[in-house]
Amino acid sequence: MDALSRWVTRHRLLVGLLWVVITVVGLVLAPSVSGRLKPGNHLSGAAYTADVQIAKQHAGVTRTPACWC
């Protein structure tokens, strides 16, 4: 970890420019990615099916056990 810290510290400009490039690419790609999202409920998806199976196994409990809200 010390070697990585030293490298990043020595190459601050390069690391900063890399983060700027990553940010710009993210901003450019965000509209095309968000256009692929589908609104509404997806009750036929794999996550919903898994949730239903888990709820059946645990007597209908669908919330996190640690959360008593």
C-alpha atoms as a PDB file:
ATOM      1  CA  MET A   1       0.000   0.000   0.000  1.00  0.00           C
ATOM      2  CA  ASP A   2       2.909   2.330   0.688  1.00  0.00           C
ATOM      3  CA  ALA A   3       4.231   1.813  -2.841  1.00  0.00           C
ATOM      4  CA  LEU A   4       0.860   2.755  -4.331  1.00  0.00           C
ATOM      5  CA  SER A   5       0.660   5.842  -2.114  1.00  0.00           C
ATOM      6  CA  ARG A   6       4.146   6.933  -3.144  1.00  0.00           C
ATOM      7  CA  TRP A   7       3.373   6.391  -6.839  1.00  0.00           C
ATOM      8  CA  VAL A   8       0.110   8.355  -6.651  1.00  0.00           C
ATOM      9  CA  THR A   9       1.814  11.169  -4.760  1.00  0.00           C
ATOM     10  CA  ARG A  10       4.656  11.351  -7.307  1.00  0.00           C
ATOM     11  CA  HIS A  11       2.247  11.293 -10.264  1.00  0.00           C
ATOM     12  CA  ARG A  12      -0.435  13.651  -8.954  1.00  0.00           C
ATOM     13  CA  LEU A  13      -0.969  15.337 -12.315  1.00  0.00           C
ATOM     14  CA  LEU A  14      -1.360  12.035 -14.158  1.00  0.00           C
ATOM     15  CA  VAL A  15      -3.780  10.683 -11.532  1.00  0.00           C
ATOM     16  CA  GLY A  16      -5.791  13.912 -11.586  1.00  0.00           C
ATOM     17  CA  LEU A  17      -6.036  13.838 -15.377  1.00  0.00           C
ATOM     18  CA  LEU A  18      -7.082  10.196 -15.263  1.00  0.00           C
ATOM     19  CA  TRP A  19      -9.971  11.093 -12.913  1.00  0.00           C
ATOM     20  CA  VAL A  20     -10.987  13.955 -15.201  1.00  0.00           C
ATOM     21  CA  VAL A  21     -11.047  11.566 -18.180  1.00  0.00           C
ATOM     22  CA  ILE A  22     -13.086   9.008 -16.224  1.00  0.00           C
ATOM     23  CA  THR A  23     -15.559  11.736 -15.210  1.00  0.00           C
ATOM     24  CA  VAL A  24     -15.950  13.035 -18.766  1.00  0.00           C
ATOM     25  CA  VAL A  25     -16.479   9.524 -20.144  1.00  0.00           C
ATOM     26  CA  GLY A  26     -19.110   8.911 -17.454  1.00  0.00           C
ATOM     27  CA  LEU A  27     -20.902  12.142 -18.323  1.00  0.00           C
ATOM     28  CA  VAL A  28     -20.876  11.294 -22.026  1.00  0.00           C
ATOM     29  CA  LEU A  29     -22.159   7.737 -21.510  1.00  0.00           C
ATOM     30  CA  ALA A  30     -24.770   8.524 -18.835  1.00  0.00           C
ATOM     31  CA  PRO A  31     -27.603   9.517 -21.212  1.00  0.00           C
ATOM     32  CA  SER A  32     -27.282   6.344 -23.292  1.00  0.00           C
ATOM     33  CA  VAL A  33     -27.190   4.139 -20.205  1.00  0.00           C
ATOM     34  CA  SER A  34     -30.137   5.848 -18.518  1.00  0.00           C
ATOM     35  CA  GLY A  35     -32.139   5.448 -21.727  1.00  0.00           C
ATOM     36  CA  ARG A  36     -31.961   1.673 -21.268  1.00  0.00           C
ATOM     37  CA  LEU A  37     -33.739   1.734 -17.909  1.00  0.00           C
ATOM     38  CA  LYS A  38     -37.331   0.553 -17.939  1.00  0.00           C
ATOM     39  CA  PRO A  39     -39.942   2.235 -15.728  1.00  0.00           C
ATOM     40  CA  GLY A  40     -42.408   0.302 -13.603  1.00  0.00           C
ATOM     41  CA  ASN A  41     -42.375  -2.926 -11.668  1.00  0.00           C
ATOM     42  CA  HIS A  42     -40.553  -5.952 -12.988  1.00  0.00           C
ATOM     43  CA  LEU A  43     -42.426  -8.722 -11.248  1.00  0.00           C
ATOM     44  CA  SER A  44     -41.243 -11.389 -13.642  1.00  0.00           C
ATOM     45  CA  GLY A  45     -37.539 -10.774 -13.061  1.00  0.00           C
ATOM     46  CA  ALA A  46     -35.065 -13.120 -11.447  1.00  0.00           C
ATOM     47  CA  ALA A  47     -34.688 -10.913  -8.358  1.00  0.00           C
ATOM     48  CA  TYR A  48     -38.441 -10.898  -7.730  1.00  0.00           C
ATOM     49  CA  THR A  49     -38.632 -14.679  -8.132  1.00  0.00           C
ATOM     50  CA  ALA A  50     -35.770 -15.151  -5.681  1.00  0.00           C
ATOM     51  CA  ASP A  51     -37.420 -12.745  -3.212  1.00  0.00           C
ATOM     52  CA  VAL A  52     -40.674 -14.710  -3.339  1.00  0.00           C
ATOM     53  CA  GLN A  53     -38.839 -17.994  -2.724  1.00  0.00           C
ATOM     54  CA  ILE A  54     -36.924 -16.521   0.215  1.00  0.00           C
ATOM     55  CA  ALA A  55     -40.138 -15.119   1.696  1.00  0.00           C
ATOM     56  CA  LYS A  56     -41.767 -18.560   1.474  1.00  0.00           C
ATOM     57  CA  GLN A  57     -38.795 -20.204   3.193  1.00  0.00           C
ATOM     58  CA  HIS A  58     -38.784 -17.664   6.025  1.00  0.00           C
ATOM     59  CA  ALA A  59     -42.529 -17.511   6.737  1.00  0.00           C
ATOM     60  CA  GLY A  60     -43.177 -14.368   4.706  1.00  0.00           C
ATOM     61  CA  VAL A  61     -40.452 -12.158   6.153  1.00  0.00           C
ATOM     62  CA  THR A  62     -39.263  -9.868   3.390  1.00  0.00           C
ATOM     63  CA  ARG A  63     -37.325  -7.205   5.292  1.00  0.00           C
ATOM     64  CA  THR A  64     -33.803  -7.265   6.655  1.00  0.00           C
ATOM     65  CA  PRO A  65     -33.761  -8.948  10.089  1.00  0.00           C
ATOM     66  CA  ALA A  66     -31.559  -6.190  11.521  1.00  0.00           C
ATOM     67  CA  CYS A  67     -34.027  -3.468  10.512  1.00  0.00           C
ATOM     68  CA  TRP A  68     -36.957  -3.138  12.940  1.00  0.00           C
ATOM     69  CA  CYS A  69     -38.439  -0.087  11.247  1.00  0.00           C
END
